[in-house]
């Protein structure tokens, strides 16, 4: 997305091609935290695991695939433009029995959400509290 915006603002700057080439050939697997793939394998013993990411429609899937995470998650990857704007959709996938484009119910994500953005962790916790409150009222 950043490259696309730059290209719109500076359409004749050919250096963007060098940046694109660099990103396409970047060794993303070298940038994983130590034992990341072992942690993924361990979490999968508790249930299905899914990557919920955001970013560019071309580079983000490329990064996930080249890092080895696509295989580690059996291609269970959701990529949004801005995941913080899609919390209702993500929560719906976790809560409902939606089967959108072959996706199953991912109840296991509720119990082990790994999120690098504190604001999103807080928002998911708030959504869980509200849902639990509604369940208590209905029972």
Protein backbone atom coordinates (compact mmCIF):
# COMPACT_ATOMS: atom_id res chain seq x y z
CA UNK A 1 0.00 0.00 0.00
CA UNK A 2 2.82 2.35 0.82
CA UNK A 3 4.48 1.68 -2.53
CA UNK A 4 1.18 2.22 -4.35
CA UNK A 5 0.67 5.56 -2.61
CA UNK A 6 4.24 6.59 -3.38
CA UNK A 7 3.77 5.61 -7.01
CA UNK A 8 0.62 7.75 -7.23
CA UNK A 9 2.43 10.74 -5.78
CA UNK A 10 5.64 10.25 -7.79
CA UNK A 11 4.61 8.37 -10.96
CA UNK A 12 7.92 8.97 -12.78
CA UNK A 13 10.28 7.89 -10.00
CA UNK A 14 11.82 4.70 -11.36
CA UNK A 15 13.53 3.90 -8.03
CA UNK A 16 10.24 2.33 -6.96
CA UNK A 17 11.10 -0.62 -9.23
CA UNK A 18 14.27 -1.29 -7.25
CA UNK A 19 12.31 -1.19 -4.00
CA UNK A 20 9.71 -3.59 -5.40
CA UNK A 21 12.42 -5.98 -6.59
CA UNK A 22 14.10 -5.83 -3.17
CA UNK A 23 10.85 -6.66 -1.38
CA UNK A 24 9.90 -9.47 -3.74
CA UNK A 25 13.28 -11.14 -3.20
CA UNK A 26 13.65 -10.40 0.52
CA UNK A 27 14.39 -13.47 2.71
CA UNK A 28 11.42 -13.11 5.07
CA UNK A 29 12.07 -16.50 6.71
CA UNK A 30 15.27 -15.05 8.16
CA UNK A 31 13.23 -12.45 10.05
CA UNK A 32 11.05 -14.80 12.12
CA UNK A 33 11.62 -14.78 15.84
CA UNK A 34 13.59 -17.80 17.04
CA UNK A 35 11.32 -20.83 17.57
CA UNK A 36 8.32 -19.09 15.98
CA UNK A 37 7.38 -22.12 13.91
CA UNK A 38 7.70 -24.34 16.99
CA UNK A 39 5.32 -22.01 18.84
CA UNK A 40 2.83 -22.27 15.98
CA UNK A 41 3.07 -26.07 15.99
CA UNK A 42 2.51 -26.08 19.77
CA UNK A 43 -0.54 -23.79 19.55
CA UNK A 44 -2.08 -25.98 16.86
CA UNK A 45 -2.30 -28.83 19.38
CA UNK A 46 -5.01 -26.81 21.16
CA UNK A 47 -7.07 -26.17 18.04
CA UNK A 48 -7.04 -24.50 14.67
CA UNK A 49 -4.75 -21.54 14.26
CA UNK A 50 -5.29 -18.68 11.85
CA UNK A 51 -3.20 -15.69 10.84
CA UNK A 52 -5.18 -12.46 10.90
CA UNK A 53 -3.03 -9.82 9.28
CA UNK A 54 -3.29 -6.58 7.44
CA UNK A 55 -1.38 -5.04 4.61
CA UNK A 56 -0.94 -4.89 0.89
CA UNK A 57 -2.82 -7.51 -1.14
CA UNK A 58 0.39 -8.50 -2.99
CA UNK A 59 3.24 -8.11 -0.53
CA UNK A 60 1.55 -9.29 2.68
CA UNK A 61 0.66 -12.76 1.33
CA UNK A 62 4.12 -12.95 -0.21
CA UNK A 63 5.76 -12.18 3.13
CA UNK A 64 3.60 -14.73 4.93
CA UNK A 65 4.32 -17.40 2.31
CA UNK A 66 8.07 -16.72 2.08
CA UNK A 67 8.45 -16.70 5.85
CA UNK A 68 7.08 -20.24 6.09
CA UNK A 69 4.02 -19.14 8.05
CA UNK A 70 1.57 -19.91 5.24
CA UNK A 71 2.56 -23.59 5.39
CA UNK A 72 2.71 -23.60 9.19
CA UNK A 73 -0.92 -22.41 9.29
CA UNK A 74 -2.08 -24.68 6.43
CA UNK A 75 -2.90 -21.57 4.38
CA UNK A 76 -5.39 -20.36 7.02
CA UNK A 77 -4.70 -16.67 6.52
CA UNK A 78 -7.01 -13.67 6.57
CA UNK A 79 -5.57 -10.41 5.24
CA UNK A 80 -7.44 -7.16 5.64
CA UNK A 81 -6.49 -3.68 4.50
CA UNK A 82 -6.77 -2.53 8.13
CA UNK A 83 -7.69 -5.33 10.52
CA UNK A 84 -8.61 -2.86 13.26
CA UNK A 85 -11.52 -1.76 11.03
CA UNK A 86 -12.65 -5.36 10.53
CA UNK A 87 -13.03 -6.53 14.12
CA UNK A 88 -16.73 -7.29 13.67
CA UNK A 89 -15.96 -9.53 10.70
CA UNK A 90 -13.14 -11.26 12.55
CA UNK A 91 -15.29 -11.72 15.64
CA UNK A 92 -18.07 -13.08 13.42
CA UNK A 93 -15.74 -15.73 12.07
CA UNK A 94 -14.86 -16.69 15.63
CA UNK A 95 -18.41 -16.55 16.99
CA UNK A 96 -20.67 -17.70 14.20
CA UNK A 97 -20.68 -20.85 12.21
CA UNK A 98 -19.91 -18.96 9.02
CA UNK A 99 -18.46 -20.91 6.17
CA UNK A 100 -17.21 -18.18 3.90
CA UNK A 101 -14.93 -19.30 1.09
CA UNK A 102 -14.24 -22.60 2.79
CA UNK A 103 -13.51 -21.11 6.22
CA UNK A 104 -14.76 -23.05 9.20
CA UNK A 105 -15.58 -21.86 12.69
CA UNK A 106 -12.42 -20.79 14.55
CA UNK A 107 -13.53 -20.98 18.13
CA UNK A 108 -9.98 -21.76 19.29
CA UNK A 109 -8.79 -18.25 18.48
CA UNK A 110 -10.75 -16.89 21.41
CA UNK A 111 -8.70 -18.76 23.95
CA UNK A 112 -5.30 -17.90 22.52
CA UNK A 113 -5.28 -14.62 20.66
CA UNK A 114 -1.74 -13.53 19.90
CA UNK A 115 -1.76 -9.91 18.87
CA UNK A 116 1.05 -7.40 18.56
CA UNK A 117 -1.21 -4.36 18.92
CA UNK A 118 -2.38 -3.66 22.45
CA UNK A 119 -5.42 -1.72 21.23
CA UNK A 120 -6.68 -4.74 19.29
CA UNK A 121 -6.16 -7.06 22.27
CA UNK A 122 -8.19 -4.63 24.38
CA UNK A 123 -10.95 -4.42 21.76
CA UNK A 124 -11.24 -8.20 21.44
CA UNK A 125 -11.40 -8.50 25.24
CA UNK A 126 -14.17 -5.87 25.32
CA UNK A 127 -16.11 -7.74 22.63
CA UNK A 128 -15.79 -10.99 24.58
CA UNK A 129 -17.04 -9.31 27.77
CA UNK A 130 -20.08 -7.89 25.97
CA UNK A 131 -20.89 -11.25 24.38
CA UNK A 132 -20.58 -13.06 27.71
CA UNK A 133 -22.86 -10.49 29.35
CA UNK A 134 -25.51 -11.05 26.65
CA UNK A 135 -25.24 -14.82 27.09
CA UNK A 136 -25.81 -14.45 30.85
CA UNK A 137 -28.89 -12.32 30.23
CA UNK A 138 -30.35 -14.85 27.81
CA UNK A 139 -29.85 -17.90 30.02
